[in-house]
């Protein structure tokens, strides 16, 4: 399986600031990704539920790549396809 890693911060612009949400889908399609892994703004930080929902618009599985704790696991799982 091939997953495309999408950190929330890419060259200083967060996913929420991307001009087109379709960029996730285009990149995933180009790289033949089986899903996307979304991380927080830095190591160990979780992505927001909004970031996961935006990435999910690509139509492929969305995996949380960092910041999962016992306190937030259920909420993140509801907004993604895996932890």
Protein backbone atom coordinates (compact mmCIF):
# COMPACT_ATOMS: atom_id res chain seq x y z
CA UNK A 1 0.00 0.00 0.00
CA UNK A 2 1.10 3.54 -0.70
CA UNK A 3 0.06 6.40 1.58
CA UNK A 4 0.56 10.08 0.95
CA UNK A 5 1.75 11.95 4.06
CA UNK A 6 0.00 15.30 4.43
CA UNK A 7 1.31 17.38 7.31
CA UNK A 8 -0.96 20.24 8.31
CA UNK A 9 1.87 22.67 7.64
CA UNK A 10 3.39 22.47 4.16
CA UNK A 11 5.86 25.25 3.40
CA UNK A 12 4.11 27.56 5.85
CA UNK A 13 0.57 27.04 4.52
CA UNK A 14 -1.82 24.80 6.42
CA UNK A 15 -4.27 22.45 4.74
CA UNK A 16 -7.06 24.86 5.68
CA UNK A 17 -5.41 27.52 3.52
CA UNK A 18 -5.03 25.43 0.36
CA UNK A 19 -6.90 27.19 -2.43
CA UNK A 20 -8.48 23.97 -3.68
CA UNK A 21 -9.42 20.97 -1.56
CA UNK A 22 -9.08 18.93 -4.74
CA UNK A 23 -5.30 19.26 -4.42
CA UNK A 24 -5.38 16.37 -1.94
CA UNK A 25 -7.26 14.21 -4.42
CA UNK A 26 -4.99 15.21 -7.31
CA UNK A 27 -1.81 14.49 -5.35
CA UNK A 28 -3.15 11.17 -4.09
CA UNK A 29 -4.20 10.17 -7.59
CA UNK A 30 -0.87 11.25 -9.10
CA UNK A 31 1.13 9.23 -6.56
CA UNK A 32 -1.31 6.28 -6.77
CA UNK A 33 -1.83 6.58 -3.01
CA UNK A 34 -4.08 4.14 -1.20
CA UNK A 35 -4.80 6.77 1.46
CA UNK A 36 -3.55 9.92 3.15
CA UNK A 37 -1.86 10.29 6.53
CA UNK A 38 -2.62 13.61 8.19
CA UNK A 39 -0.39 14.92 10.98
CA UNK A 40 -0.47 17.92 13.25
CA UNK A 41 1.56 21.08 12.92
CA UNK A 42 4.62 19.48 14.51
CA UNK A 43 5.82 16.16 15.87
CA UNK A 44 3.39 14.68 18.36
CA UNK A 45 0.59 17.17 17.65
CA UNK A 46 -2.75 15.91 16.40
CA UNK A 47 -4.50 17.22 13.32
CA UNK A 48 -7.81 18.97 13.86
CA UNK A 49 -11.07 17.24 13.05
CA UNK A 50 -11.52 19.89 10.34
CA UNK A 51 -8.19 18.96 8.75
CA UNK A 52 -9.23 15.30 8.71
CA UNK A 53 -12.57 16.13 7.14
CA UNK A 54 -10.92 18.26 4.45
CA UNK A 55 -8.45 15.50 3.62
CA UNK A 56 -11.34 13.01 3.51
CA UNK A 57 -12.84 14.87 0.59
CA UNK A 58 -10.21 13.17 -1.56
CA UNK A 59 -12.35 10.04 -1.39
CA UNK A 60 -9.60 7.74 -0.10
CA UNK A 61 -8.87 6.56 3.46
CA UNK A 62 -7.58 9.15 5.93
CA UNK A 63 -5.24 8.01 8.71
CA UNK A 64 -4.27 10.10 11.76
CA UNK A 65 -0.47 10.23 11.79
CA UNK A 66 0.30 11.81 15.16
CA UNK A 67 -1.03 13.14 18.43
CA UNK A 68 -3.45 10.33 19.33
CA UNK A 69 -4.11 9.99 23.06
CA UNK A 70 -6.62 8.03 25.12
CA UNK A 71 -8.54 11.29 25.59
CA UNK A 72 -8.94 12.13 21.88
CA UNK A 73 -8.80 8.73 20.15
CA UNK A 74 -12.58 8.26 19.85
CA UNK A 75 -13.12 11.74 18.40
CA UNK A 76 -10.26 11.36 15.90
CA UNK A 77 -11.44 7.90 14.89
CA UNK A 78 -14.92 9.26 14.08
CA UNK A 79 -13.33 11.83 11.73
CA UNK A 80 -10.89 9.42 10.06
CA UNK A 81 -10.49 5.89 8.80
CA UNK A 82 -7.78 4.88 11.22
CA UNK A 83 -5.24 5.90 13.83
